[in-house]
C-alpha atoms as a PDB file:
ATOM      1  CA  MET A   1       0.022   0.015   0.009  1.00  0.00           C
ATOM      2  CA  VAL A   2       1.271   3.495  -0.783  1.00  0.00           C
ATOM      3  CA  PRO A   3       2.123   5.527   2.360  1.00  0.00           C
ATOM      4  CA  HIS A   4      -0.374   8.256   3.184  1.00  0.00           C
ATOM      5  CA  LEU A   5      -3.149   6.498   1.354  1.00  0.00           C
ATOM      6  CA  ARG A   6      -6.447   6.243   3.214  1.00  0.00           C
ATOM      7  CA  VAL A   7      -8.330   3.079   2.093  1.00  0.00           C
ATOM      8  CA  ASN A   8     -11.895   2.319   2.655  1.00  0.00           C
ATOM      9  CA  HIS A   9     -12.448  -1.401   2.099  1.00  0.00           C
ATOM     10  CA  SER A  10     -16.060  -1.263   1.010  1.00  0.00           C
ATOM     11  CA  ARG A  11     -18.297  -2.482  -1.753  1.00  0.00           C
ATOM     12  CA  PRO A  12     -16.403  -2.597  -5.109  1.00  0.00           C
ATOM     13  CA  ILE A  13     -17.027   0.173  -7.602  1.00  0.00           C
ATOM     14  CA  GLU A  14     -18.175  -2.407 -10.182  1.00  0.00           C
ATOM     15  CA  GLN A  15     -21.271  -3.002  -7.948  1.00  0.00           C
ATOM     16  CA  ARG A  16     -21.952   0.610  -7.642  1.00  0.00           C
ATOM     17  CA  ILE A  17     -21.852   1.144 -11.351  1.00  0.00           C
ATOM     18  CA  ARG A  18     -24.263  -1.724 -11.950  1.00  0.00           C
ATOM     19  CA  SER A  19     -26.662  -0.019  -9.466  1.00  0.00           C
ATOM     20  CA  PRO A  20     -26.532   3.609 -10.410  1.00  0.00           C
ATOM     21  CA  GLU A  21     -28.093   6.546  -8.629  1.00  0.00           C
ATOM     22  CA  PRO A  22     -31.974   6.019  -8.532  1.00  0.00           C
ATOM     23  CA  ASN A  23     -33.789   7.692 -11.448  1.00  0.00           C
ATOM     24  CA  LEU A  24     -30.563   8.429 -13.313  1.00  0.00           C
ATOM     25  CA  ARG A  25     -31.504   6.382 -16.356  1.00  0.00           C
ATOM     26  CA  SER A  26     -34.937   8.061 -16.581  1.00  0.00           C
ATOM     27  CA  ARG A  27     -33.199  11.438 -16.545  1.00  0.00           C
ATOM     28  CA  SER A  28     -30.861  10.650 -19.439  1.00  0.00           C
ATOM     29  CA  ALA A  29     -33.325  11.302 -22.347  1.00  0.00           C
ATOM     30  CA  PRO A  30     -32.688  14.395 -24.585  1.00  0.00           C
ATOM     31  CA  GLY A  31     -34.277  17.446 -23.076  1.00  0.00           C
ATOM     32  CA  SER A  32     -34.085  16.126 -19.533  1.00  0.00           C
ATOM     33  CA  THR A  33     -33.154  18.228 -16.553  1.00  0.00           C
ATOM     34  CA  SER A  34     -29.880  16.245 -16.379  1.00  0.00           C
ATOM     35  CA  ILE A  35     -28.733  17.440 -19.712  1.00  0.00           C
ATOM     36  CA  GLU A  36     -29.430  20.977 -18.794  1.00  0.00           C
ATOM     37  CA  GLU A  37     -27.460  20.501 -15.638  1.00  0.00           C
ATOM     38  CA  ILE A  38     -24.483  19.110 -17.675  1.00  0.00           C
ATOM     39  CA  ARG A  39     -24.638  22.076 -19.852  1.00  0.00           C
ATOM     40  CA  ALA A  40     -24.409  24.270 -16.756  1.00  0.00           C
ATOM     41  CA  THR A  41     -21.363  22.476 -15.456  1.00  0.00           C
ATOM     42  CA  ALA A  42     -19.253  23.306 -18.540  1.00  0.00           C
ATOM     43  CA  GLY A  43     -18.625  26.680 -16.949  1.00  0.00           C
ATOM     44  CA  ARG A  44     -15.857  29.051 -16.287  1.00  0.00           C
ATOM     45  CA  ARG A  45     -13.694  26.882 -14.082  1.00  0.00           C
ATOM     46  CA  LYS A  46     -13.602  23.974 -16.501  1.00  0.00           C
ATOM     47  CA  ARG A  47     -12.735  26.276 -19.413  1.00  0.00           C
ATOM     48  CA  GLU A  48      -9.991  27.866 -17.407  1.00  0.00           C
ATOM     49  CA  LEU A  49      -8.481  24.468 -16.580  1.00  0.00           C
ATOM     50  CA  LEU A  50      -8.542  23.374 -20.222  1.00  0.00           C
ATOM     51  CA  ARG A  51      -6.966  26.604 -21.388  1.00  0.00           C
ATOM     52  CA  ARG A  52      -4.161  26.236 -18.819  1.00  0.00           C
ATOM     53  CA  TYR A  53      -2.901  22.999 -20.351  1.00  0.00           C
ATOM     54  CA  THR A  54      -3.960  23.177 -24.051  1.00  0.00           C
ATOM     55  CA  ARG A  55      -4.062  25.256 -27.192  1.00  0.00           C
ATOM     56  CA  PRO A  56      -6.697  25.352 -29.888  1.00  0.00           C
ATOM     57  CA  GLY A  57      -6.831  22.134 -31.866  1.00  0.00           C
ATOM     58  CA  ALA A  58      -5.582  20.004 -28.925  1.00  0.00           C
ATOM     59  CA  ARG A  59      -6.676  16.423 -28.492  1.00  0.00           C
ATOM     60  CA  ILE A  60      -8.079  15.675 -25.102  1.00  0.00           C
ATOM     61  CA  LEU A  61      -9.045  12.436 -23.367  1.00  0.00           C
ATOM     62  CA  ASP A  62     -11.214  12.561 -20.149  1.00  0.00           C
ATOM     63  CA  VAL A  63     -11.104   9.189 -18.337  1.00  0.00           C
ATOM     64  CA  GLY A  64     -14.115   8.832 -16.070  1.00  0.00           C
ATOM     65  CA  CYS A  65     -15.834  11.719 -17.747  1.00  0.00           C
ATOM     66  CA  GLY A  66     -19.233  11.248 -16.196  1.00  0.00           C
ATOM     67  CA  ALA A  67     -21.834  12.994 -18.373  1.00  0.00           C
ATOM     68  CA  GLY A  68     -19.222  15.094 -20.097  1.00  0.00           C
ATOM     69  CA  GLY A  69     -18.969  18.432 -18.333  1.00  0.00           C
ATOM     70  CA  TYR A  70     -15.273  18.816 -19.377  1.00  0.00           C
ATOM     71  CA  LEU A  71     -15.918  17.412 -22.862  1.00  0.00           C
ATOM     72  CA  LEU A  72     -18.643  19.984 -23.463  1.00  0.00           C
ATOM     73  CA  ALA A  73     -16.292  22.779 -22.268  1.00  0.00           C
ATOM     74  CA  ALA A  74     -13.593  21.458 -24.601  1.00  0.00           C
ATOM     75  CA  ARG A  75     -15.921  21.441 -27.501  1.00  0.00           C
ATOM     76  CA  GLU A  76     -17.000  25.014 -26.884  1.00  0.00           C
ATOM     77  CA  LEU A  77     -13.238  25.988 -26.913  1.00  0.00           C
ATOM     78  CA  GLY A  78     -12.676  24.212 -30.212  1.00  0.00           C
ATOM     79  CA  PHE A  79     -10.756  21.232 -28.909  1.00  0.00           C
ATOM     80  CA  GLU A  80     -11.098  17.562 -30.111  1.00  0.00           C
ATOM     81  CA  ALA A  81     -12.143  15.708 -27.018  1.00  0.00           C
ATOM     82  CA  MET A  82     -13.418  12.261 -26.174  1.00  0.00           C
ATOM     83  CA  GLY A  83     -14.194  10.478 -22.926  1.00  0.00           C
ATOM     84  CA  VAL A  84     -14.491   7.018 -21.286  1.00  0.00           C
ATOM     85  CA  GLU A  85     -17.238   6.437 -18.728  1.00  0.00           C
ATOM     86  CA  PRO A  86     -18.164   3.142 -17.004  1.00  0.00           C
ATOM     87  CA  SER A  87     -21.719   4.236 -16.247  1.00  0.00           C
ATOM     88  CA  ASP A  88     -23.968   3.736 -19.201  1.00  0.00           C
ATOM     89  CA  ALA A  89     -26.511   6.093 -17.758  1.00  0.00           C
ATOM     90  CA  HIS A  90     -23.957   8.950 -17.396  1.00  0.00           C
ATOM     91  CA  ALA A  91     -22.551   8.194 -20.899  1.00  0.00           C
ATOM     92  CA  THR A  92     -26.038   8.349 -22.393  1.00  0.00           C
ATOM     93  CA  ILE A  93     -26.575  11.748 -20.947  1.00  0.00           C
ATOM     94  CA  GLY A  94     -23.418  12.990 -22.597  1.00  0.00           C
ATOM     95  CA  ARG A  95     -24.071  11.380 -25.871  1.00  0.00           C
ATOM     96  CA  GLY A  96     -27.373  13.230 -25.874  1.00  0.00           C
ATOM     97  CA  LEU A  97     -25.321  16.339 -26.159  1.00  0.00           C
ATOM     98  CA  GLY A  98     -23.445  14.925 -29.154  1.00  0.00           C
ATOM     99  CA  LEU A  99     -20.277  14.244 -27.124  1.00  0.00           C
ATOM    100  CA  ASP A 100     -17.913  11.391 -27.990  1.00  0.00           C
ATOM    101  CA  ILE A 101     -18.135   9.114 -24.950  1.00  0.00           C
ATOM    102  CA  ARG A 102     -17.208   5.422 -24.884  1.00  0.00           C
ATOM    103  CA  SER A 103     -19.149   3.322 -22.427  1.00  0.00           C
ATOM    104  CA  GLY A 104     -17.073   0.911 -20.356  1.00  0.00           C
ATOM    105  CA  TYR A 105     -14.016   0.904 -18.047  1.00  0.00           C
ATOM    106  CA  TYR A 106     -10.735   2.320 -19.219  1.00  0.00           C
ATOM    107  CA  ARG A 107      -8.185  -0.295 -19.967  1.00  0.00           C
ATOM    108  CA  PRO A 108      -4.488  -0.079 -20.924  1.00  0.00           C
ATOM    109  CA  GLY A 109      -4.188  -0.467 -24.643  1.00  0.00           C
ATOM    110  CA  ASP A 110      -7.522   1.083 -25.523  1.00  0.00           C
ATOM    111  CA  PHE A 111      -5.674   4.198 -26.989  1.00  0.00           C
ATOM    112  CA  ALA A 112      -2.419   4.799 -28.699  1.00  0.00           C
ATOM    113  CA  GLU A 113       0.466   5.923 -26.661  1.00  0.00           C
ATOM    114  CA  GLY A 114       1.411   9.551 -27.096  1.00  0.00           C
ATOM    115  CA  GLY A 115      -1.901  10.239 -28.834  1.00  0.00           C
ATOM    116  CA  PHE A 116      -3.262  13.128 -26.636  1.00  0.00           C
ATOM    117  CA  ASP A 117      -2.173  16.696 -25.631  1.00  0.00           C
ATOM    118  CA  LEU A 118      -4.072  16.434 -22.337  1.00  0.00           C
ATOM    119  CA  VAL A 119      -5.329  13.403 -20.487  1.00  0.00           C
ATOM    120  CA  LEU A 120      -7.689  14.392 -17.713  1.00  0.00           C
ATOM    121  CA  THR A 121      -9.077  12.269 -14.932  1.00  0.00           C
ATOM    122  CA  SER A 122     -11.221  14.159 -12.431  1.00  0.00           C
ATOM    123  CA  HIS A 123     -12.524  12.549  -9.212  1.00  0.00           C
ATOM    124  CA  VAL A 124     -11.556   9.066 -10.458  1.00  0.00           C
ATOM    125  CA  VAL A 125      -8.427   7.821  -8.705  1.00  0.00           C
ATOM    126  CA  GLU A 126     -10.246   7.750  -5.330  1.00  0.00           C
ATOM    127  CA  HIS A 127     -12.461   5.023  -6.886  1.00  0.00           C
ATOM    128  CA  ILE A 128      -9.415   2.790  -7.658  1.00  0.00           C
ATOM    129  CA  TYR A 129      -7.834   0.299  -5.240  1.00  0.00           C
ATOM    130  CA  ASP A 130      -4.369   0.513  -6.798  1.00  0.00           C
ATOM    131  CA  PRO A 131      -4.059   3.994  -8.515  1.00  0.00           C
ATOM    132  CA  ARG A 132      -0.360   3.834  -9.366  1.00  0.00           C
ATOM    133  CA  PRO A 133      -0.594   1.573 -12.521  1.00  0.00           C
ATOM    134  CA  PHE A 134      -3.748   3.442 -13.547  1.00  0.00           C
ATOM    135  CA  LEU A 135      -1.808   6.794 -13.497  1.00  0.00           C
ATOM    136  CA  GLU A 136       1.187   5.239 -15.186  1.00  0.00           C
ATOM    137  CA  SER A 137      -0.908   4.007 -17.980  1.00  0.00           C
ATOM    138  CA  LEU A 138      -2.531   7.406 -18.510  1.00  0.00           C
ATOM    139  CA  ALA A 139       0.855   9.093 -18.508  1.00  0.00           C
ATOM    140  CA  GLY A 140       1.851   6.886 -21.464  1.00  0.00           C
ATOM    141  CA  LEU A 141      -0.977   8.347 -23.531  1.00  0.00           C
ATOM    142  CA  VAL A 142       0.396  11.871 -23.355  1.00  0.00           C
ATOM    143  CA  ARG A 143       2.594  13.168 -26.137  1.00  0.00           C
ATOM    144  CA  PRO A 144       5.952  14.868 -25.147  1.00  0.00           C
ATOM    145  CA  GLY A 145       5.197  18.318 -23.936  1.00  0.00           C
ATOM    146  CA  GLY A 146       1.554  17.419 -23.150  1.00  0.00           C
ATOM    147  CA  TRP A 147      -0.120  17.044 -19.780  1.00  0.00           C
ATOM    148  CA  LEU A 148      -1.710  14.446 -17.475  1.00  0.00           C
ATOM    149  CA  VAL A 149      -3.923  16.180 -14.959  1.00  0.00           C
ATOM    150  CA  ALA A 150      -5.518  14.156 -12.113  1.00  0.00           C
ATOM    151  CA  ILE A 151      -7.957  15.782  -9.708  1.00  0.00           C
ATOM    152  CA  THR A 152      -8.873  14.073  -6.497  1.00  0.00           C
ATOM    153  CA  PRO A 153     -10.066  15.070  -2.931  1.00  0.00           C
ATOM    154  CA  ASP A 154      -7.146  16.065  -0.816  1.00  0.00           C
ATOM    155  CA  SER A 155      -6.974  13.745   2.250  1.00  0.00           C
ATOM    156  CA  ASP A 156      -4.640  16.293   3.902  1.00  0.00           C
ATOM    157  CA  CYS A 157      -6.863  19.347   3.297  1.00  0.00           C
ATOM    158  CA  LEU A 158      -8.102  21.577   6.072  1.00  0.00           C
ATOM    159  CA  PRO A 159     -11.749  20.374   5.884  1.00  0.00           C
ATOM    160  CA  ALA A 160     -10.559  16.718   6.086  1.00  0.00           C
ATOM    161  CA  ARG A 161      -8.383  17.539   9.087  1.00  0.00           C
ATOM    162  CA  LEU A 162     -11.214  19.470  10.894  1.00  0.00           C
ATOM    163  CA  SER A 163     -13.842  16.861  10.012  1.00  0.00           C
ATOM    164  CA  GLY A 164     -11.889  13.760  10.991  1.00  0.00           C
ATOM    165  CA  LYS A 165     -13.958  10.620  10.635  1.00  0.00           C
ATOM    166  CA  HIS A 166     -16.952  12.686   9.562  1.00  0.00           C
ATOM    167  CA  TRP A 167     -15.159  14.090   6.419  1.00  0.00           C
ATOM    168  CA  VAL A 168     -17.814  13.597   3.698  1.00  0.00           C
ATOM    169  CA  MET A 169     -15.288  12.137   1.218  1.00  0.00           C
ATOM    170  CA  LEU A 170     -14.802   9.112   3.452  1.00  0.00           C
ATOM    171  CA  LYS A 171     -18.353   8.157   3.474  1.00  0.00           C
ATOM    172  CA  PRO A 172     -19.520   7.419  -0.089  1.00  0.00           C
ATOM    173  CA  ILE A 173     -19.273   3.646  -0.468  1.00  0.00           C
ATOM    174  CA  ASP A 174     -17.128   3.820  -3.738  1.00  0.00           C
ATOM    175  CA  HIS A 175     -14.345   5.976  -2.418  1.00  0.00           C
ATOM    176  CA  VAL A 176     -11.651   3.432  -1.703  1.00  0.00           C
ATOM    177  CA  SER A 177      -8.405   5.401  -2.049  1.00  0.00           C
ATOM    178  CA  MET A 178      -8.062   8.835  -0.441  1.00  0.00           C
ATOM    179  CA  LEU A 179      -4.727  10.335  -1.483  1.00  0.00           C
ATOM    180  CA  THR A 180      -2.371  13.020  -0.234  1.00  0.00           C
ATOM    181  CA  GLU A 181       0.309  14.946  -2.169  1.00  0.00           C
ATOM    182  CA  ARG A 182       2.965  12.826  -0.424  1.00  0.00           C
ATOM    183  CA  ALA A 183       1.283   9.588  -1.484  1.00  0.00           C
ATOM    184  CA  LEU A 184       1.154  10.729  -5.111  1.00  0.00           C
ATOM    185  CA  ARG A 185       4.825  11.834  -4.935  1.00  0.00           C
ATOM    186  CA  ARG A 186       5.847   8.388  -3.715  1.00  0.00           C
ATOM    187  CA  MET A 187       4.417   6.720  -6.780  1.00  0.00           C
ATOM    188  CA  GLY A 188       7.457   7.751  -8.754  1.00  0.00           C
ATOM    189  CA  LEU A 189       5.613   9.381 -11.652  1.00  0.00           C
ATOM    190  CA  GLU A 190       8.518  11.771 -12.172  1.00  0.00           C
ATOM    191  CA  ARG A 191      10.117   9.245 -14.503  1.00  0.00           C
ATOM    192  CA  TYR A 192       7.354  10.218 -17.007  1.00  0.00           C
ATOM    193  CA  GLY A 193       7.889  14.036 -16.680  1.00  0.00           C
ATOM    194  CA  ASN A 194       7.761  16.993 -14.421  1.00  0.00           C
ATOM    195  CA  VAL A 195       5.292  16.659 -11.637  1.00  0.00           C
ATOM    196  CA  ALA A 196       3.683  19.562  -9.692  1.00  0.00           C
ATOM    197  CA  PHE A 197       0.732  19.965  -7.366  1.00  0.00           C
ATOM    198  CA  ARG A 198      -1.779  22.675  -6.674  1.00  0.00           C
ATOM    199  CA  ARG A 199      -5.193  22.761  -4.962  1.00  0.00           C
ATOM    200  CA  THR A 200      -8.667  24.117  -5.709  1.00  0.00           C
ATOM    201  CA  SER A 201     -12.251  23.822  -4.551  1.00  0.00           C
ATOM    202  CA  GLN A 202     -15.593  23.520  -6.098  1.00  0.00           C
ATOM    203  CA  ASP A 203     -18.020  26.367  -5.366  1.00  0.00           C
ATOM    204  CA  GLY A 204     -19.128  26.149  -1.714  1.00  0.00           C
ATOM    205  CA  GLU A 205     -17.135  23.017  -1.041  1.00  0.00           C
ATOM    206  CA  PHE A 206     -15.131  24.334   1.898  1.00  0.00           C
ATOM    207  CA  PHE A 207     -18.106  25.516   3.956  1.00  0.00           C
ATOM    208  CA  ILE A 208     -20.476  22.708   2.876  1.00  0.00           C
ATOM    209  CA  THR A 209     -17.899  20.028   3.796  1.00  0.00           C
ATOM    210  CA  LEU A 210     -17.528  21.411   7.314  1.00  0.00           C
ATOM    211  CA  ALA A 211     -21.311  21.995   7.765  1.00  0.00           C
ATOM    212  CA  ALA A 212     -22.050  18.415   6.704  1.00  0.00           C
ATOM    213  CA  ALA A 213     -19.394  17.042   9.072  1.00  0.00           C
ATOM    214  CA  ALA A 214     -20.773  19.134  11.958  1.00  0.00           C
ATOM    215  CA  ARG A 215     -24.314  17.920  11.169  1.00  0.00           C
ATOM    216  CA  ASP A 216     -23.217  14.336  11.070  1.00  0.00           C
ATOM    217  CA  ALA A 217     -21.255  14.531  14.240  1.00  0.00           C
ATOM    218  CA  ALA A 218     -24.196  16.083  16.076  1.00  0.00           C
ATOM    219  CA  GLN A 219     -26.898  13.860  14.713  1.00  0.00           C
ATOM    220  CA  GLY A 220     -25.083  10.702  13.886  1.00  0.00           C
ATOM    221  CA  ILE A 221     -26.148  10.957  10.240  1.00  0.00           C
ATOM    222  CA  HIS A 222     -24.076   9.157   7.572  1.00  0.00           C
ATOM    223  CA  THR A 223     -23.859  10.436   4.072  1.00  0.00           C
ATOM    224  CA  ASP A 224     -25.419   7.965   1.569  1.00  0.00           C
ATOM    225  CA  ALA A 225     -24.137   7.002  -1.833  1.00  0.00           C
ATOM    226  CA  SER A 226     -26.236   9.440  -3.652  1.00  0.00           C
ATOM    227  CA  GLY A 227     -24.673  12.506  -1.991  1.00  0.00           C
ATOM    228  CA  GLY A 228     -26.344  12.611   1.428  1.00  0.00           C
ATOM    229  CA  GLN A 229     -27.916  15.981   1.000  1.00  0.00           C
ATOM    230  CA  ALA A 230     -30.807  16.495   3.449  1.00  0.00           C
ATOM    231  CA  ALA A 231     -34.117  17.570   1.998  1.00  0.00           C
ATOM    232  CA  VAL A 232     -35.956  20.640   3.391  1.00  0.00           C
ATOM    233  CA  ALA A 233     -39.713  20.257   3.576  1.00  0.00           C
ATOM    234  CA  GLY A 234     -42.760  21.841   5.260  1.00  0.00           C
ATOM    235  CA  ASP A 235     -43.429  25.444   6.113  1.00  0.00           C
ATOM    236  CA  GLY A 236     -39.781  26.221   6.572  1.00  0.00           C
ATOM    237  CA  ALA A 237     -38.732  25.337   3.089  1.00  0.00           C
ATOM    238  CA  VAL A 238     -38.835  28.911   1.755  1.00  0.00           C
ATOM    239  CA  GLY A 239     -36.927  30.430   4.595  1.00  0.00           C
ATOM    240  CA  ALA A 240     -34.436  27.535   4.559  1.00  0.00           C
ATOM    241  CA  GLY A 241     -33.903  28.174   0.959  1.00  0.00           C
ATOM    242  CA  ARG A 242     -33.044  31.751   1.476  1.00  0.00           C
ATOM    243  CA  VAL A 243     -30.535  30.846   4.252  1.00  0.00           C
ATOM    244  CA  LYS A 244     -28.981  28.216   1.949  1.00  0.00           C
ATOM    245  CA  HIS A 245     -28.590  30.713  -0.865  1.00  0.00           C
ATOM    246  CA  ALA A 246     -26.973  33.216   1.423  1.00  0.00           C
ATOM    247  CA  LEU A 247     -24.660  30.632   2.918  1.00  0.00           C
ATOM    248  CA  ALA A 248     -23.786  29.466  -0.677  1.00  0.00           C
ATOM    249  CA  ARG A 249     -22.713  32.995  -1.645  1.00  0.00           C
ATOM    250  CA  TRP A 250     -20.521  33.240   1.470  1.00  0.00           C
ATOM    251  CA  ALA A 251     -19.039  29.805   0.805  1.00  0.00           C
ATOM    252  CA  ARG A 252     -18.076  30.740  -2.649  1.00  0.00           C
ATOM    253  CA  SER A 253     -16.054  33.620  -1.297  1.00  0.00           C
ATOM    254  CA  VAL A 254     -14.328  31.334   1.196  1.00  0.00           C
ATOM    255  CA  ASP A 255     -13.475  28.980  -1.658  1.00  0.00           C
ATOM    256  CA  ARG A 256     -11.988  31.826  -3.796  1.00  0.00           C
ATOM    257  CA  VAL A 257      -9.775  32.732  -0.775  1.00  0.00           C
ATOM    258  CA  ALA A 258      -8.748  29.079  -0.379  1.00  0.00           C
ATOM    259  CA  ASP A 259      -7.822  28.849  -4.084  1.00  0.00           C
ATOM    260  CA  ARG A 260      -5.674  31.998  -3.863  1.00  0.00           C
ATOM    261  CA  VAL A 261      -3.712  30.581  -0.927  1.00  0.00           C
ATOM    262  CA  ASN A 262      -3.516  27.138  -2.475  1.00  0.00           C
ATOM    263  CA  ARG A 263      -5.455  25.538   0.290  1.00  0.00           C
ATOM    264  CA  GLY A 264      -8.532  24.139  -1.568  1.00  0.00           C
ATOM    265  CA  ALA A 265     -10.059  20.815  -0.756  1.00  0.00           C
ATOM    266  CA  CYS A 266      -9.155  19.222  -4.143  1.00  0.00           C
ATOM    267  CA  LEU A 267      -5.642  18.144  -5.064  1.00  0.00           C
ATOM    268  CA  ILE A 268      -4.580  18.636  -8.710  1.00  0.00           C
ATOM    269  CA  MET A 269      -1.593  16.641  -9.873  1.00  0.00           C
ATOM    270  CA  GLU A 270      -0.003  18.140 -13.035  1.00  0.00           C
ATOM    271  CA  LEU A 271       2.429  15.973 -15.021  1.00  0.00           C
ATOM    272  CA  GLN A 272       3.991  17.365 -18.068  1.00  0.00           C
ATOM    273  CA  ARG A 273       5.602  14.685 -20.313  1.00  0.00           C
ATOM    274  CA  THR A 274       9.176  14.992 -21.242  1.00  0.00           C
END
């Protein structure tokens, strides 16, 4: 086992993929809410990330692309992009947008070595019991001068430290490998190129993570596999919605500060092939 790797020995990811989130398949038809949500995810942050590592005309592979948020952003920027996604339901949503998504698990040998300017894998390595050979295989797909970018929850981030056993990233049943920068450095990926690390957060992530941990610690609630977000019902729903909206605005400000001081909750490994 890689040092500084937190492992959750739980139900294998293959079982989770075969039993996807309830109602996901019914939401994958063209014109569904899910497709509109995916369009919304191809926002500023994804475009900024793609511009950071690529130029117009670049070839991009997104491994574990979900419903294709990064692929849609890449298409809007004029890149040639394709993805691999093990969930048929998610892949169907993306293909409904005309995105090039292959259904199935990524396997070494599926793509030509050195065939891509950017290989991206976002929130995937935490689902893999042995991430080292997976990342080594992806590095081999990148042309000299190109980039492998892996994004994963940072097991050493401040929300994780403050939340302890209630850190929300430890609770979903398919998160089996929670990594730190030190664990990734010990994998020896420098033999493929220059490796660097930075951190970022999704909008509201810093505050929401701590709030969820505090709730769980106080009430003994465990986050379920579909995200664990508590529903607000009854007469207090409108007022609760206003509070949630105000907290979300404040949380986005916290996340922007965290990004600027490189203390976000997500770890980004950047490997430039030599």
